[in-house]
């Protein structure tokens, strides 16, 4: 979810002035690098969940959560990060992009900050014997 949110912010800032655009792009790339193992493991967990859910009602509920609720939450959070009036001029847009880049750089969107329990769970899965520090299904 956070990766989707940061990509939306990055897309918004793509049309900002060069320094704001590059700052956000670099911050998102650094965030992705910091979270590479967690993102991979999260994809594996998601795949396992989808594979194991057999009951039609449970499948529908999981599908609703992953494909409707999560995107809705991303959009809600995006609107908090990018105010509607932020597009009224390059200076305003550059400011908003700079603020968001700073928050990303400072770790405010790191999984360990946003959801420490999920972060711990994924890290435990990654560190299981035989994984050699690499995420395993």
Protein backbone atom coordinates (compact mmCIF):
# COMPACT_ATOMS: atom_id res chain seq x y z
CA UNK A 1 0.00 0.00 0.00
CA UNK A 2 2.76 2.44 0.93
CA UNK A 3 4.64 1.72 -2.27
CA UNK A 4 1.52 2.54 -4.29
CA UNK A 5 1.08 5.77 -2.35
CA UNK A 6 4.69 6.83 -2.88
CA UNK A 7 4.45 6.04 -6.60
CA UNK A 8 1.36 8.31 -6.85
CA UNK A 9 3.28 11.11 -5.12
CA UNK A 10 6.22 10.51 -7.44
CA UNK A 11 3.92 10.67 -10.47
CA UNK A 12 2.42 13.95 -9.22
CA UNK A 13 5.90 15.41 -8.74
CA UNK A 14 7.06 14.27 -12.19
CA UNK A 15 5.78 17.55 -13.59
CA UNK A 16 7.31 19.68 -10.83
CA UNK A 17 10.49 21.65 -11.33
CA UNK A 18 13.65 19.61 -11.83
CA UNK A 19 15.02 19.83 -8.28
CA UNK A 20 11.71 18.85 -6.65
CA UNK A 21 11.16 16.07 -9.16
CA UNK A 22 14.63 14.60 -8.65
CA UNK A 23 14.40 14.86 -4.87
CA UNK A 24 11.16 12.86 -4.78
CA UNK A 25 12.42 10.33 -7.32
CA UNK A 26 15.60 9.78 -5.29
CA UNK A 27 13.65 9.51 -2.02
CA UNK A 28 11.25 6.91 -3.46
CA UNK A 29 14.14 4.93 -4.99
CA UNK A 30 15.94 4.92 -1.62
CA UNK A 31 12.73 3.83 0.12
CA UNK A 32 12.32 0.98 -2.37
CA UNK A 33 15.93 -0.09 -1.80
CA UNK A 34 15.45 -0.03 2.00
CA UNK A 35 12.31 -2.12 1.62
CA UNK A 36 13.34 -4.46 -1.22
CA UNK A 37 13.37 -7.60 0.93
CA UNK A 38 10.13 -6.65 2.68
CA UNK A 39 8.37 -5.89 -0.60
CA UNK A 40 9.42 -9.24 -2.04
CA UNK A 41 8.34 -11.12 1.07
CA UNK A 42 5.04 -9.22 1.15
CA UNK A 43 4.35 -10.34 -2.44
CA UNK A 44 5.01 -13.93 -1.36
CA UNK A 45 2.66 -13.63 1.62
CA UNK A 46 -0.04 -12.15 -0.61
CA UNK A 47 0.40 -14.99 -3.09
CA UNK A 48 0.21 -17.59 -0.31
CA UNK A 49 -2.98 -16.02 1.01
CA UNK A 50 -4.58 -16.04 -2.41
CA UNK A 51 -3.53 -19.66 -2.97
CA UNK A 52 -4.87 -20.84 0.40
CA UNK A 53 -8.23 -19.13 0.39
CA UNK A 54 -10.73 -21.68 -0.89
CA UNK A 55 -14.13 -20.60 0.37
CA UNK A 56 -15.88 -18.31 -2.14
CA UNK A 57 -16.95 -15.86 0.59
CA UNK A 58 -13.39 -15.64 1.93
CA UNK A 59 -12.00 -15.19 -1.59
CA UNK A 60 -14.49 -12.40 -2.24
CA UNK A 61 -13.59 -10.72 1.05
CA UNK A 62 -9.84 -10.93 0.35
CA UNK A 63 -10.38 -9.69 -3.20
CA UNK A 64 -12.43 -6.78 -1.88
CA UNK A 65 -9.70 -5.87 0.60
CA UNK A 66 -6.82 -6.11 -1.89
CA UNK A 67 -8.52 -4.61 -4.91
CA UNK A 68 -11.00 -2.11 -3.46
CA UNK A 69 -10.23 -1.18 0.14
CA UNK A 70 -6.46 -0.83 -0.27
CA UNK A 71 -6.68 1.34 -3.42
CA UNK A 72 -9.35 3.46 -1.71
CA UNK A 73 -7.05 3.95 1.29
CA UNK A 74 -4.16 4.85 -1.00
CA UNK A 75 -6.32 7.51 -2.66
CA UNK A 76 -7.45 8.86 0.73
CA UNK A 77 -3.86 9.08 1.98
CA UNK A 78 -2.73 10.64 -1.30
CA UNK A 79 -5.27 13.44 -0.90
CA UNK A 80 -3.79 14.18 2.53
CA UNK A 81 -0.26 14.38 1.10
CA UNK A 82 -1.15 16.34 -2.03
CA UNK A 83 -3.72 19.04 -1.22
CA UNK A 84 -6.00 19.99 -4.11
CA UNK A 85 -4.71 23.55 -4.17
CA UNK A 86 -1.10 22.32 -4.44
CA UNK A 87 -1.36 22.38 -8.24
CA UNK A 88 -1.94 26.12 -8.31
CA UNK A 89 1.53 27.12 -9.43
CA UNK A 90 4.97 25.62 -9.72
CA UNK A 91 6.19 27.03 -6.39
CA UNK A 92 3.36 25.39 -4.49
CA UNK A 93 3.90 22.10 -6.29
CA UNK A 94 7.66 22.23 -5.67
CA UNK A 95 7.04 22.92 -1.98
CA UNK A 96 4.62 19.99 -1.61
CA UNK A 97 7.00 17.67 -3.43
CA UNK A 98 9.92 18.82 -1.29
CA UNK A 99 7.96 18.25 1.92
CA UNK A 100 6.96 14.76 0.80
CA UNK A 101 10.51 13.92 -0.26
CA UNK A 102 11.74 15.01 3.16
CA UNK A 103 9.19 12.81 4.93
CA UNK A 104 10.19 9.82 2.78
CA UNK A 105 13.90 10.47 3.40
CA UNK A 106 13.32 10.76 7.16
CA UNK A 107 11.68 7.33 7.24
CA UNK A 108 8.15 8.48 7.99
CA UNK A 109 6.86 6.01 5.38
CA UNK A 110 9.08 3.13 6.46
CA UNK A 111 7.13 0.00 7.31
CA UNK A 112 8.89 -0.22 10.67
CA UNK A 113 7.31 3.15 11.52
CA UNK A 114 3.89 2.67 9.91
CA UNK A 115 3.25 -0.92 10.95
CA UNK A 116 5.96 -2.39 13.18
CA UNK A 117 4.07 -5.67 13.63
CA UNK A 118 3.92 -6.36 9.91
CA UNK A 119 7.54 -5.31 9.53
CA UNK A 120 8.58 -7.69 12.31
CA UNK A 121 6.50 -10.52 10.83
CA UNK A 122 8.07 -10.14 7.39
CA UNK A 123 11.58 -9.86 8.83
CA UNK A 124 11.02 -13.05 10.87
CA UNK A 125 9.93 -14.89 7.73
CA UNK A 126 12.99 -13.64 5.89
CA UNK A 127 15.35 -14.71 8.68
CA UNK A 128 13.99 -18.25 9.01
CA UNK A 129 16.66 -20.98 8.95
CA UNK A 130 17.59 -21.88 5.41
CA UNK A 131 16.61 -18.54 3.96
CA UNK A 132 20.16 -17.10 4.09
CA UNK A 133 18.63 -13.67 4.55
CA UNK A 134 16.63 -14.05 1.35
CA UNK A 135 12.87 -14.13 1.42
CA UNK A 136 11.49 -17.63 0.97
CA UNK A 137 7.96 -18.71 0.08
